[in-house]
């Protein structure tokens, strides 16, 4: 079973599947205040608008990042 980690901001939940991640770095380059591989947690969605996060996730080449809206 795949491990999926979740990070929440208001009605947006970011999902990350570490085993799918190819570490292309697009997330870090696009939104460095949200994605900090040296941070804990490494995803802090409160540092960007939800639409910017969704746009960045849609550009993830591996599909390791996703989102759910509630």
N, C-alpha and C. Protein backbone atom coordinates (compact mmCIF):
# COMPACT_ATOMS: atom_id res chain seq x y z
N UNK A 1 0.84 -1.18 0.00
CA UNK A 1 0.00 0.00 0.00
C UNK A 1 0.89 1.25 0.00
N UNK A 2 0.52 2.20 -0.84
CA UNK A 2 1.31 3.43 -0.97
C UNK A 2 1.08 4.35 0.21
N UNK A 3 2.15 4.98 0.65
CA UNK A 3 2.05 5.98 1.70
C UNK A 3 1.69 7.30 1.06
N UNK A 4 0.65 7.93 1.57
CA UNK A 4 0.24 9.25 1.09
C UNK A 4 0.21 10.19 2.29
N UNK A 5 0.96 11.27 2.18
CA UNK A 5 0.99 12.26 3.26
C UNK A 5 0.08 13.41 2.86
N UNK A 6 -0.56 14.03 3.86
CA UNK A 6 -1.49 15.13 3.61
C UNK A 6 -1.11 16.37 4.39
N UNK A 7 -1.30 17.51 3.74
CA UNK A 7 -1.02 18.82 4.33
C UNK A 7 -2.22 19.70 4.01
N UNK A 8 -2.80 20.34 5.02
CA UNK A 8 -4.06 21.05 4.85
C UNK A 8 -3.93 22.56 4.96
N UNK A 9 -4.68 23.26 4.11
CA UNK A 9 -4.84 24.71 4.18
C UNK A 9 -6.30 25.02 3.89
N UNK A 10 -7.02 25.48 4.88
CA UNK A 10 -8.44 25.80 4.73
C UNK A 10 -9.18 24.62 4.10
N UNK A 11 -9.76 24.82 2.91
CA UNK A 11 -10.53 23.73 2.29
C UNK A 11 -9.70 22.97 1.24
N UNK A 12 -8.38 23.17 1.25
CA UNK A 12 -7.49 22.50 0.30
C UNK A 12 -6.57 21.54 1.06
N UNK A 13 -6.53 20.31 0.62
CA UNK A 13 -5.62 19.32 1.19
C UNK A 13 -4.63 18.91 0.10
N UNK A 14 -3.36 19.11 0.35
CA UNK A 14 -2.30 18.69 -0.56
C UNK A 14 -1.93 17.26 -0.20
N UNK A 15 -1.84 16.42 -1.21
CA UNK A 15 -1.41 15.04 -1.00
C UNK A 15 -0.04 14.85 -1.65
N UNK A 16 0.78 14.02 -1.02
CA UNK A 16 2.11 13.73 -1.56
C UNK A 16 2.39 12.25 -1.40
N UNK A 17 2.75 11.60 -2.51
CA UNK A 17 3.12 10.19 -2.51
C UNK A 17 4.63 10.09 -2.71
N UNK A 18 5.38 9.92 -1.63
CA UNK A 18 6.84 9.91 -1.72
C UNK A 18 7.41 8.91 -2.74
N UNK A 19 6.80 7.73 -2.87
CA UNK A 19 7.34 6.72 -3.79
C UNK A 19 7.19 7.12 -5.25
N UNK A 20 6.24 8.00 -5.56
CA UNK A 20 6.05 8.48 -6.94
C UNK A 20 6.98 9.63 -7.28
N UNK A 21 7.48 10.32 -6.27
CA UNK A 21 8.25 11.54 -6.47
C UNK A 21 9.56 11.26 -7.19
N UNK A 22 9.83 12.03 -8.27
CA UNK A 22 11.09 11.88 -9.00
C UNK A 22 12.06 13.01 -8.67
N UNK A 23 11.69 13.85 -7.72
CA UNK A 23 12.52 14.94 -7.23
C UNK A 23 12.98 15.88 -8.34
N UNK A 24 12.05 16.21 -9.24
CA UNK A 24 12.34 17.14 -10.34
C UNK A 24 12.60 18.54 -9.80
N UNK A 25 12.02 18.85 -8.65
CA UNK A 25 12.26 20.14 -8.01
C UNK A 25 11.39 21.27 -8.51
N UNK A 26 10.44 20.98 -9.38
CA UNK A 26 9.57 22.04 -9.90
C UNK A 26 8.77 22.69 -8.77
N UNK A 27 8.32 21.91 -7.83
CA UNK A 27 7.55 22.46 -6.71
C UNK A 27 8.40 23.44 -5.91
N UNK A 28 9.62 23.06 -5.60
CA UNK A 28 10.52 23.90 -4.81
C UNK A 28 10.88 25.18 -5.57
N UNK A 29 11.14 25.05 -6.86
CA UNK A 29 11.50 26.22 -7.67
C UNK A 29 10.33 27.17 -7.85
N UNK A 30 9.12 26.62 -7.98
CA UNK A 30 7.94 27.43 -8.23
C UNK A 30 7.45 28.12 -6.96
N UNK A 31 7.35 27.39 -5.87
CA UNK A 31 6.83 27.92 -4.60
C UNK A 31 7.78 27.56 -3.45
N UNK A 32 8.95 28.20 -3.38
CA UNK A 32 9.92 27.82 -2.34
C UNK A 32 9.45 28.09 -0.92
N UNK A 33 8.49 28.99 -0.73
CA UNK A 33 7.98 29.23 0.63
C UNK A 33 7.01 28.13 1.07
N UNK A 34 6.46 27.41 0.11
CA UNK A 34 5.54 26.31 0.42
C UNK A 34 6.30 24.98 0.53
N UNK A 35 7.22 24.76 -0.40
CA UNK A 35 7.95 23.48 -0.47
C UNK A 35 9.40 23.70 -0.06
N UNK A 36 9.75 23.22 1.12
CA UNK A 36 11.11 23.36 1.63
C UNK A 36 11.58 21.98 2.06
N UNK A 37 12.39 21.29 1.21
CA UNK A 37 12.80 19.93 1.53
C UNK A 37 13.58 19.80 2.84
N UNK A 38 14.13 20.90 3.34
CA UNK A 38 14.87 20.84 4.61
C UNK A 38 13.99 21.16 5.81
N UNK A 39 12.74 21.57 5.54
CA UNK A 39 11.82 21.92 6.62
C UNK A 39 11.08 20.72 7.17
N UNK A 40 10.45 20.93 8.30
CA UNK A 40 9.61 19.89 8.89
C UNK A 40 8.37 20.55 9.48
N UNK A 41 7.22 20.37 8.86
CA UNK A 41 6.99 19.59 7.66
C UNK A 41 7.56 20.30 6.42
N UNK A 42 7.80 19.56 5.38
CA UNK A 42 8.43 20.16 4.21
C UNK A 42 7.43 20.90 3.33
N UNK A 43 6.14 20.64 3.50
CA UNK A 43 5.10 21.37 2.77
C UNK A 43 4.33 22.22 3.77
N UNK A 44 4.34 23.53 3.55
CA UNK A 44 3.61 24.47 4.41
C UNK A 44 2.69 25.31 3.52
N UNK A 45 1.49 24.81 3.25
CA UNK A 45 0.59 25.46 2.31
C UNK A 45 0.09 26.84 2.73
N UNK A 46 0.24 27.18 3.99
CA UNK A 46 -0.23 28.49 4.45
C UNK A 46 0.59 29.64 3.87
N UNK A 47 1.68 29.35 3.17
CA UNK A 47 2.55 30.38 2.63
C UNK A 47 2.25 30.79 1.20
N UNK A 48 1.11 30.35 0.64
CA UNK A 48 0.74 30.74 -0.72
C UNK A 48 -0.77 30.63 -0.89
N UNK A 49 -1.31 31.38 -1.83
CA UNK A 49 -2.75 31.26 -2.13
C UNK A 49 -3.07 29.87 -2.68
N UNK A 50 -4.27 29.40 -2.40
CA UNK A 50 -4.68 28.06 -2.83
C UNK A 50 -4.56 27.89 -4.34
N UNK A 51 -4.92 28.91 -5.11
CA UNK A 51 -4.86 28.77 -6.57
C UNK A 51 -3.42 28.60 -7.05
N UNK A 52 -2.48 29.29 -6.45
CA UNK A 52 -1.06 29.14 -6.83
C UNK A 52 -0.58 27.72 -6.53
N UNK A 53 -1.03 27.17 -5.42
CA UNK A 53 -0.66 25.80 -5.06
C UNK A 53 -1.26 24.81 -6.05
N UNK A 54 -2.52 24.98 -6.39
CA UNK A 54 -3.17 24.08 -7.35
C UNK A 54 -2.48 24.15 -8.70
N UNK A 55 -2.14 25.35 -9.15
CA UNK A 55 -1.44 25.50 -10.44
C UNK A 55 -0.11 24.77 -10.41
N UNK A 56 0.62 24.91 -9.32
CA UNK A 56 1.92 24.25 -9.20
C UNK A 56 1.74 22.73 -9.18
N UNK A 57 0.77 22.23 -8.44
CA UNK A 57 0.53 20.79 -8.36
C UNK A 57 0.18 20.23 -9.74
N UNK A 58 -0.58 20.98 -10.51
CA UNK A 58 -0.93 20.53 -11.86
C UNK A 58 0.29 20.42 -12.77
N UNK A 59 1.39 21.08 -12.41
CA UNK A 59 2.62 21.02 -13.20
C UNK A 59 3.58 19.93 -12.72
N UNK A 60 3.23 19.20 -11.68
CA UNK A 60 4.10 18.15 -11.13
C UNK A 60 4.27 17.03 -12.17
N UNK A 61 5.50 16.79 -12.64
CA UNK A 61 5.70 15.81 -13.71
C UNK A 61 5.47 14.35 -13.31
N UNK A 62 5.61 14.03 -12.04
CA UNK A 62 5.48 12.63 -11.61
C UNK A 62 4.08 12.28 -11.14
N UNK A 63 3.28 13.29 -10.81
CA UNK A 63 1.98 13.03 -10.23
C UNK A 63 2.06 12.69 -8.75
N UNK A 64 3.20 12.92 -8.14
CA UNK A 64 3.36 12.64 -6.71
C UNK A 64 2.56 13.62 -5.86
N UNK A 65 2.39 14.83 -6.36
CA UNK A 65 1.60 15.83 -5.65
C UNK A 65 0.19 15.85 -6.22
N UNK A 66 -0.76 16.01 -5.33
CA UNK A 66 -2.16 16.12 -5.74
C UNK A 66 -2.88 17.00 -4.74
N UNK A 67 -4.16 17.22 -4.98
CA UNK A 67 -4.94 18.01 -4.01
C UNK A 67 -6.38 17.57 -4.04
N UNK A 68 -7.03 17.83 -2.90
CA UNK A 68 -8.46 17.58 -2.73
C UNK A 68 -9.05 18.86 -2.16
N UNK A 69 -10.24 19.19 -2.61
CA UNK A 69 -10.93 20.35 -2.06
C UNK A 69 -12.15 19.86 -1.28
N UNK A 70 -12.39 20.51 -0.15
CA UNK A 70 -13.55 20.12 0.67
C UNK A 70 -14.37 21.33 1.03
